[in-house]
Every structure is written in structure tokens, then in C-alpha cells.
C-alpha atoms as a PDB file:
ATOM      1  CA  UNK A   1     -18.588  -1.012  -2.136  1.00  0.00           C
ATOM      2  CA  UNK A   2     -19.199   0.896  -5.243  1.00  0.00           C
ATOM      3  CA  UNK A   3     -19.710  -1.189  -8.323  1.00  0.00           C
ATOM      4  CA  UNK A   4     -16.828  -1.188 -10.590  1.00  0.00           C
ATOM      5  CA  UNK A   5     -13.758  -0.809  -8.040  1.00  0.00           C
ATOM      6  CA  UNK A   6     -10.953  -2.141  -9.399  1.00  0.00           C
ATOM      7  CA  UNK A   7      -8.767  -4.457  -6.914  1.00  0.00           C
ATOM      8  CA  UNK A   8      -5.588  -5.819  -7.784  1.00  0.00           C
ATOM      9  CA  UNK A   9      -4.436  -8.993  -5.839  1.00  0.00           C
ATOM     10  CA  UNK A  10      -0.887  -9.943  -5.762  1.00  0.00           C
ATOM     11  CA  UNK A  11      -0.120 -13.253  -4.449  1.00  0.00           C
ATOM     12  CA  UNK A  12       3.478 -14.341  -3.222  1.00  0.00           C
ATOM     13  CA  UNK A  13       2.665 -17.905  -2.528  1.00  0.00           C
ATOM     14  CA  UNK A  14       4.987 -20.806  -4.067  1.00  0.00           C
ATOM     15  CA  UNK A  15       2.261 -23.463  -4.329  1.00  0.00           C
ATOM     16  CA  UNK A  16      -1.015 -24.220  -6.035  1.00  0.00           C
ATOM     17  CA  UNK A  17      -4.058 -24.339  -3.901  1.00  0.00           C
ATOM     18  CA  UNK A  18      -2.101 -23.954  -0.646  1.00  0.00           C
ATOM     19  CA  UNK A  19      -3.432 -21.865   2.340  1.00  0.00           C
ATOM     20  CA  UNK A  20      -2.493 -18.674   0.955  1.00  0.00           C
ATOM     21  CA  UNK A  21      -4.212 -19.468  -2.510  1.00  0.00           C
ATOM     22  CA  UNK A  22      -7.162 -20.445  -0.688  1.00  0.00           C
ATOM     23  CA  UNK A  23      -7.397 -17.421   1.345  1.00  0.00           C
ATOM     24  CA  UNK A  24      -6.993 -15.139  -1.433  1.00  0.00           C
ATOM     25  CA  UNK A  25      -9.760 -16.879  -3.346  1.00  0.00           C
ATOM     26  CA  UNK A  26     -11.975 -16.536  -0.430  1.00  0.00           C
ATOM     27  CA  UNK A  27     -11.275 -12.723  -0.200  1.00  0.00           C
ATOM     28  CA  UNK A  28     -11.341 -12.647  -4.233  1.00  0.00           C
ATOM     29  CA  UNK A  29     -15.032 -14.228  -4.208  1.00  0.00           C
ATOM     30  CA  UNK A  30     -16.376 -11.905  -1.454  1.00  0.00           C
ATOM     31  CA  UNK A  31     -14.938  -8.697  -3.191  1.00  0.00           C
ATOM     32  CA  UNK A  32     -16.867  -9.929  -6.686  1.00  0.00           C
ATOM     33  CA  UNK A  33     -19.988 -10.664  -4.466  1.00  0.00           C
ATOM     34  CA  UNK A  34     -19.735  -7.016  -3.246  1.00  0.00           C
ATOM     35  CA  UNK A  35     -19.571  -5.674  -6.973  1.00  0.00           C
ATOM     36  CA  UNK A  36     -15.864  -5.430  -7.266  1.00  0.00           C
ATOM     37  CA  UNK A  37     -13.828  -6.159 -10.474  1.00  0.00           C
ATOM     38  CA  UNK A  38     -10.840  -7.974  -9.213  1.00  0.00           C
ATOM     39  CA  UNK A  39      -7.633  -9.263 -11.075  1.00  0.00           C
ATOM     40  CA  UNK A  40      -5.280 -11.734  -9.543  1.00  0.00           C
ATOM     41  CA  UNK A  41      -1.382 -11.805 -10.021  1.00  0.00           C
ATOM     42  CA  UNK A  42       0.441 -14.983  -9.019  1.00  0.00           C
ATOM     43  CA  UNK A  43       3.852 -14.022  -8.761  1.00  0.00           C
ATOM     44  CA  UNK A  44       5.076 -17.583  -9.231  1.00  0.00           C
ATOM     45  CA  UNK A  45       3.612 -17.366 -12.657  1.00  0.00           C
ATOM     46  CA  UNK A  46       5.133 -13.507 -13.495  1.00  0.00           C
ATOM     47  CA  UNK A  47       8.400 -13.172 -14.578  1.00  0.00           C
ATOM     48  CA  UNK A  48      10.213 -10.569 -12.535  1.00  0.00           C
ATOM     49  CA  UNK A  49      13.986 -10.211 -12.482  1.00  0.00           C
ATOM     50  CA  UNK A  50      15.806  -9.178  -9.413  1.00  0.00           C
ATOM     51  CA  UNK A  51      16.434  -5.539  -8.600  1.00  0.00           C
ATOM     52  CA  UNK A  52      20.075  -4.153  -9.513  1.00  0.00           C
ATOM     53  CA  UNK A  53      19.948  -1.485  -7.051  1.00  0.00           C
ATOM     54  CA  UNK A  54      21.256   0.509  -9.603  1.00  0.00           C
ATOM     55  CA  UNK A  55      19.165   3.412  -8.351  1.00  0.00           C
ATOM     56  CA  UNK A  56      18.506   4.417 -12.299  1.00  0.00           C
ATOM     57  CA  UNK A  57      14.677   4.700 -11.486  1.00  0.00           C
ATOM     58  CA  UNK A  58      15.200   6.720  -8.307  1.00  0.00           C
ATOM     59  CA  UNK A  59      16.796   9.470 -10.218  1.00  0.00           C
ATOM     60  CA  UNK A  60      13.419  10.366 -12.090  1.00  0.00           C
ATOM     61  CA  UNK A  61      11.653  13.247 -10.398  1.00  0.00           C
ATOM     62  CA  UNK A  62       8.008  13.580 -10.146  1.00  0.00           C
ATOM     63  CA  UNK A  63       5.002  11.532  -8.374  1.00  0.00           C
ATOM     64  CA  UNK A  64       4.818   8.725 -11.114  1.00  0.00           C
ATOM     65  CA  UNK A  65       7.046   5.759 -10.716  1.00  0.00           C
ATOM     66  CA  UNK A  66      10.560   5.729 -12.151  1.00  0.00           C
ATOM     67  CA  UNK A  67      11.318   3.586 -15.123  1.00  0.00           C
ATOM     68  CA  UNK A  68      13.434   0.484 -14.371  1.00  0.00           C
ATOM     69  CA  UNK A  69      16.432  -0.548 -16.402  1.00  0.00           C
ATOM     70  CA  UNK A  70      14.392  -4.029 -17.010  1.00  0.00           C
ATOM     71  CA  UNK A  71      11.973  -4.570 -19.521  1.00  0.00           C
ATOM     72  CA  UNK A  72      10.099  -7.312 -17.868  1.00  0.00           C
ATOM     73  CA  UNK A  73       6.743  -8.388 -16.087  1.00  0.00           C
ATOM     74  CA  UNK A  74       7.166  -5.747 -13.264  1.00  0.00           C
ATOM     75  CA  UNK A  75       6.418  -3.242 -16.059  1.00  0.00           C
ATOM     76  CA  UNK A  76       2.987  -4.667 -16.876  1.00  0.00           C
ATOM     77  CA  UNK A  77       2.450  -4.962 -12.994  1.00  0.00           C
ATOM     78  CA  UNK A  78       3.228  -1.394 -12.141  1.00  0.00           C
ATOM     79  CA  UNK A  79       0.795  -0.232 -14.537  1.00  0.00           C
ATOM     80  CA  UNK A  80      -1.650  -2.527 -13.092  1.00  0.00           C
ATOM     81  CA  UNK A  81      -0.898  -1.217  -9.560  1.00  0.00           C
ATOM     82  CA  UNK A  82      -1.445   2.634 -10.737  1.00  0.00           C
ATOM     83  CA  UNK A  83      -4.853   1.603 -12.372  1.00  0.00           C
ATOM     84  CA  UNK A  84      -6.065  -0.224  -9.322  1.00  0.00           C
ATOM     85  CA  UNK A  85      -8.313   1.330  -6.901  1.00  0.00           C
ATOM     86  CA  UNK A  86      -7.047  -0.888  -4.191  1.00  0.00           C
ATOM     87  CA  UNK A  87      -5.085  -3.922  -3.305  1.00  0.00           C
ATOM     88  CA  UNK A  88      -4.935  -7.537  -1.877  1.00  0.00           C
ATOM     89  CA  UNK A  89      -1.383  -8.511  -0.761  1.00  0.00           C
ATOM     90  CA  UNK A  90      -0.499 -11.999   0.214  1.00  0.00           C
ATOM     91  CA  UNK A  91       2.310 -14.097   1.000  1.00  0.00           C
ATOM     92  CA  UNK A  92       2.760 -17.052   3.484  1.00  0.00           C
ATOM     93  CA  UNK A  93       5.394 -16.733   6.157  1.00  0.00           C
ATOM     94  CA  UNK A  94       8.732 -18.848   5.023  1.00  0.00           C
ATOM     95  CA  UNK A  95      11.656 -18.765   7.406  1.00  0.00           C
ATOM     96  CA  UNK A  96      10.204 -15.686   9.586  1.00  0.00           C
ATOM     97  CA  UNK A  97       9.508 -13.578   6.043  1.00  0.00           C
ATOM     98  CA  UNK A  98       7.516 -13.169   3.271  1.00  0.00           C
ATOM     99  CA  UNK A  99       8.535 -15.778   0.554  1.00  0.00           C
ATOM    100  CA  UNK A 100      11.245 -14.783  -1.897  1.00  0.00           C
ATOM    101  CA  UNK A 101       8.919 -14.288  -4.687  1.00  0.00           C
ATOM    102  CA  UNK A 102       7.093 -11.503  -2.931  1.00  0.00           C
ATOM    103  CA  UNK A 103      10.647 -10.112  -1.412  1.00  0.00           C
ATOM    104  CA  UNK A 104      11.880  -9.827  -4.989  1.00  0.00           C
ATOM    105  CA  UNK A 105       8.461  -8.039  -5.896  1.00  0.00           C
ATOM    106  CA  UNK A 106       9.061  -5.795  -2.952  1.00  0.00           C
ATOM    107  CA  UNK A 107      12.409  -4.561  -3.942  1.00  0.00           C
ATOM    108  CA  UNK A 108      11.385  -3.930  -7.405  1.00  0.00           C
ATOM    109  CA  UNK A 109       9.101  -1.324  -5.663  1.00  0.00           C
ATOM    110  CA  UNK A 110      11.900   1.168  -5.385  1.00  0.00           C
ATOM    111  CA  UNK A 111      10.315   2.659  -8.498  1.00  0.00           C
ATOM    112  CA  UNK A 112       8.181   4.329  -5.893  1.00  0.00           C
ATOM    113  CA  UNK A 113      11.073   5.978  -4.318  1.00  0.00           C
ATOM    114  CA  UNK A 114      12.501   9.663  -5.470  1.00  0.00           C
ATOM    115  CA  UNK A 115      16.257   9.305  -4.418  1.00  0.00           C
ATOM    116  CA  UNK A 116      18.606  11.401  -6.199  1.00  0.00           C
ATOM    117  CA  UNK A 117      22.310  10.989  -5.557  1.00  0.00           C
ATOM    118  CA  UNK A 118      23.572  12.939  -2.480  1.00  0.00           C
ATOM    119  CA  UNK A 119      20.050  12.876  -0.759  1.00  0.00           C
ATOM    120  CA  UNK A 120      20.363  10.995   2.561  1.00  0.00           C
ATOM    121  CA  UNK A 121      17.088   9.479   2.408  1.00  0.00           C
ATOM    122  CA  UNK A 122      14.322   8.917  -0.385  1.00  0.00           C
ATOM    123  CA  UNK A 123      11.003  10.521  -0.751  1.00  0.00           C
ATOM    124  CA  UNK A 124       8.383   8.151  -1.379  1.00  0.00           C
ATOM    125  CA  UNK A 125       6.361   9.203  -4.641  1.00  0.00           C
ATOM    126  CA  UNK A 126       2.889   8.272  -3.273  1.00  0.00           C
ATOM    127  CA  UNK A 127       3.159   9.986   0.287  1.00  0.00           C
ATOM    128  CA  UNK A 128       1.499  13.220  -0.635  1.00  0.00           C
ATOM    129  CA  UNK A 129      -1.150  11.730  -2.900  1.00  0.00           C
ATOM    130  CA  UNK A 130      -4.472  10.345  -1.754  1.00  0.00           C
ATOM    131  CA  UNK A 131      -4.146   6.862  -0.428  1.00  0.00           C
ATOM    132  CA  UNK A 132      -5.580   3.833  -1.402  1.00  0.00           C
ATOM    133  CA  UNK A 133      -6.470   0.628   0.701  1.00  0.00           C
ATOM    134  CA  UNK A 134      -4.791  -2.608   1.070  1.00  0.00           C
ATOM    135  CA  UNK A 135      -6.028  -5.931   2.673  1.00  0.00           C
ATOM    136  CA  UNK A 136      -3.005  -8.263   3.740  1.00  0.00           C
ATOM    137  CA  UNK A 137      -3.047 -11.864   3.781  1.00  0.00           C
ATOM    138  CA  UNK A 138      -0.690 -14.524   5.296  1.00  0.00           C
ATOM    139  CA  UNK A 139      -0.437 -17.662   7.614  1.00  0.00           C
ATOM    140  CA  UNK A 140       2.494 -19.707   9.303  1.00  0.00           C
ATOM    141  CA  UNK A 141       2.819 -22.935  11.138  1.00  0.00           C
ATOM    142  CA  UNK A 142       2.771 -21.234  14.685  1.00  0.00           C
ATOM    143  CA  UNK A 143      -0.089 -20.222  16.294  1.00  0.00           C
ATOM    144  CA  UNK A 144      -1.790 -17.229  14.881  1.00  0.00           C
ATOM    145  CA  UNK A 145      -1.105 -14.584  17.303  1.00  0.00           C
ATOM    146  CA  UNK A 146       2.913 -15.747  17.894  1.00  0.00           C
ATOM    147  CA  UNK A 147       3.181 -15.725  13.887  1.00  0.00           C
ATOM    148  CA  UNK A 148       2.016 -11.884  13.809  1.00  0.00           C
ATOM    149  CA  UNK A 149       4.333 -10.831  16.675  1.00  0.00           C
ATOM    150  CA  UNK A 150       7.321 -12.897  16.063  1.00  0.00           C
ATOM    151  CA  UNK A 151       7.708 -12.822  12.089  1.00  0.00           C
ATOM    152  CA  UNK A 152       8.642  -9.981   9.761  1.00  0.00           C
ATOM    153  CA  UNK A 153       5.708 -11.005   7.128  1.00  0.00           C
ATOM    154  CA  UNK A 154       2.962  -8.812   8.542  1.00  0.00           C
ATOM    155  CA  UNK A 155       5.386  -5.735   8.511  1.00  0.00           C
ATOM    156  CA  UNK A 156       6.805  -6.581   5.074  1.00  0.00           C
ATOM    157  CA  UNK A 157       3.241  -6.637   3.866  1.00  0.00           C
ATOM    158  CA  UNK A 158       2.382  -3.313   5.406  1.00  0.00           C
ATOM    159  CA  UNK A 159       5.517  -1.825   3.883  1.00  0.00           C
ATOM    160  CA  UNK A 160       4.786  -2.970   0.266  1.00  0.00           C
ATOM    161  CA  UNK A 161       1.179  -1.397   0.776  1.00  0.00           C
ATOM    162  CA  UNK A 162       2.570   1.793   2.056  1.00  0.00           C
ATOM    163  CA  UNK A 163       4.953   2.051  -0.718  1.00  0.00           C
ATOM    164  CA  UNK A 164       2.398   1.802  -3.234  1.00  0.00           C
ATOM    165  CA  UNK A 165       0.454   4.465  -1.849  1.00  0.00           C
ATOM    166  CA  UNK A 166      -2.019   2.212   0.372  1.00  0.00           C
ATOM    167  CA  UNK A 167      -2.985   1.895   3.885  1.00  0.00           C
ATOM    168  CA  UNK A 168      -3.681  -1.340   5.200  1.00  0.00           C
ATOM    169  CA  UNK A 169      -7.311  -1.812   6.399  1.00  0.00           C
ATOM    170  CA  UNK A 170      -7.044  -5.329   7.897  1.00  0.00           C
ATOM    171  CA  UNK A 171      -5.248  -8.677   7.949  1.00  0.00           C
ATOM    172  CA  UNK A 172      -6.723 -12.246   7.285  1.00  0.00           C
ATOM    173  CA  UNK A 173      -3.842 -14.293   9.207  1.00  0.00           C
ATOM    174  CA  UNK A 174      -4.056 -18.076   9.671  1.00  0.00           C
ATOM    175  CA  UNK A 175      -2.031 -19.931  12.138  1.00  0.00           C
ATOM    176  CA  UNK A 176      -1.096 -23.539  12.833  1.00  0.00           C
ATOM    177  CA  UNK A 177      -1.100 -24.657   9.117  1.00  0.00           C
ATOM    178  CA  UNK A 178       1.550 -27.067   8.966  1.00  0.00           C
ATOM    179  CA  UNK A 179      -0.364 -30.100  10.808  1.00  0.00           C
ATOM    180  CA  UNK A 180      -0.984 -31.728   7.372  1.00  0.00           C
ATOM    181  CA  UNK A 181       0.105 -32.083   3.857  1.00  0.00           C
ATOM    182  CA  UNK A 182      -3.074 -30.566   2.270  1.00  0.00           C
ATOM    183  CA  UNK A 183      -4.201 -27.973   4.648  1.00  0.00           C
ATOM    184  CA  UNK A 184      -7.696 -26.434   4.213  1.00  0.00           C
ATOM    185  CA  UNK A 185      -8.699 -23.250   5.195  1.00  0.00           C
ATOM    186  CA  UNK A 186     -11.057 -22.886   8.047  1.00  0.00           C
ATOM    187  CA  UNK A 187     -14.598 -22.355   6.705  1.00  0.00           C
ATOM    188  CA  UNK A 188     -15.050 -20.040  10.082  1.00  0.00           C
ATOM    189  CA  UNK A 189     -12.740 -17.521   8.173  1.00  0.00           C
ATOM    190  CA  UNK A 190     -15.521 -16.542   5.469  1.00  0.00           C
ATOM    191  CA  UNK A 191     -17.107 -14.095   7.831  1.00  0.00           C
ATOM    192  CA  UNK A 192     -13.817 -12.473   8.658  1.00  0.00           C
ATOM    193  CA  UNK A 193     -12.799 -12.858   4.740  1.00  0.00           C
ATOM    194  CA  UNK A 194     -16.277 -10.908   4.089  1.00  0.00           C
ATOM    195  CA  UNK A 195     -15.920  -8.012   6.691  1.00  0.00           C
ATOM    196  CA  UNK A 196     -12.332  -7.530   5.627  1.00  0.00           C
ATOM    197  CA  UNK A 197     -13.438  -7.221   2.074  1.00  0.00           C
ATOM    198  CA  UNK A 198     -16.091  -4.990   2.824  1.00  0.00           C
ATOM    199  CA  UNK A 199     -13.516  -2.366   4.409  1.00  0.00           C
ATOM    200  CA  UNK A 200     -11.691  -2.120   0.727  1.00  0.00           C
ATOM    201  CA  UNK A 201     -14.395   0.905   0.132  1.00  0.00           C
END
């Protein structure tokens, strides 16, 4: 990894120091050790309004994100997304899906679509630009392989990454996390976290 690579980590977990927070911290530590500059955004601490589905942002032509009618924390976050070289996107699985926090963030990514009235489908603004990279993090109570196949979380994280103009390079997915109240991330995942972090180059 080149020194000075700017990584933006976006964490959609509800709970402080849960498995998702621990996994994000592990990956961020590996990225910093590799020389990257990393900023972490916890969506539970970041004020974002719900998308109104008014599509005002989608009427604005060009490759730059459209401007939302909301003047909230998402404007700053879009700016951070634009300036980052790569991403870490994280959400635990809740009810078979990403958390409501992450889903609200995802819906506001509609600014990356150009969709004028009368056009049947949107054009994603980042589709024709050089692609960035994203590392995905998730967890679930089911065994890991079942969680990746049965639940929508991996697909939703990939969709968010691609909408932002990034291709996923891998996923750190932890299963069977509901066995105890204060679950700890297995130490064996450290080497995988380091391998995945190295792919954000």
C-alpha cells in the first residue's frame, strides 16, 4: 500500500464495541500499519435524515453527486466519500439485512444516480469513471457460510460500494456471534484482516 492512501470506513453498527466495531478496529489497525490514513464514521453518531424519494438530486446532470434537499450530515459524508481513495463498509446483519442505520445511508446514495424524469432507469454517475476499492465487513448469528448465502447483507454492502464507484476486494464475515452477550472477535481473524487490508491498494 502506498503511504498516504486515504481510506474512509463507514460503520453501520448500533452497538459500541460489538463484533462489527471490533472488526472495523482490527481492519483499521492493519490499514494504518500499512501506511494508510484512515477516518472512521460511525453512522450511529452521524446525523442523516431519511431520503424523501423526491429525486431532486437525480435531475442534476454530470458525474458529480447531485445535491440533496436535506442540509444534514450526509453532505459532509458525501464530500469525504469523494475525497477517499478506498472504503471500508461495515454492518452487522439485523433481521436478514443491513441495519436500518446503514440502509438509511444507502438510500441517500441516490445522489450518485442521474435519473431525469421520463427516463426508465438511472445512470450511475461513477459507472464510467476509474473504480476505487472497498473492503466489506459483516457478521450474523448463523454460521458464517449460511449467513453469506441466506441473508441480504453482503449484497447490500456490495451495492453500496458499487454505487459509490468502488469494487469490493473481499469481505470479513463472522458467524455464530450470538453465543454470549459480550462476544469477542476471534484472534484468528487478524491475519485475514491484514490480507484484506493489503488489497486496498
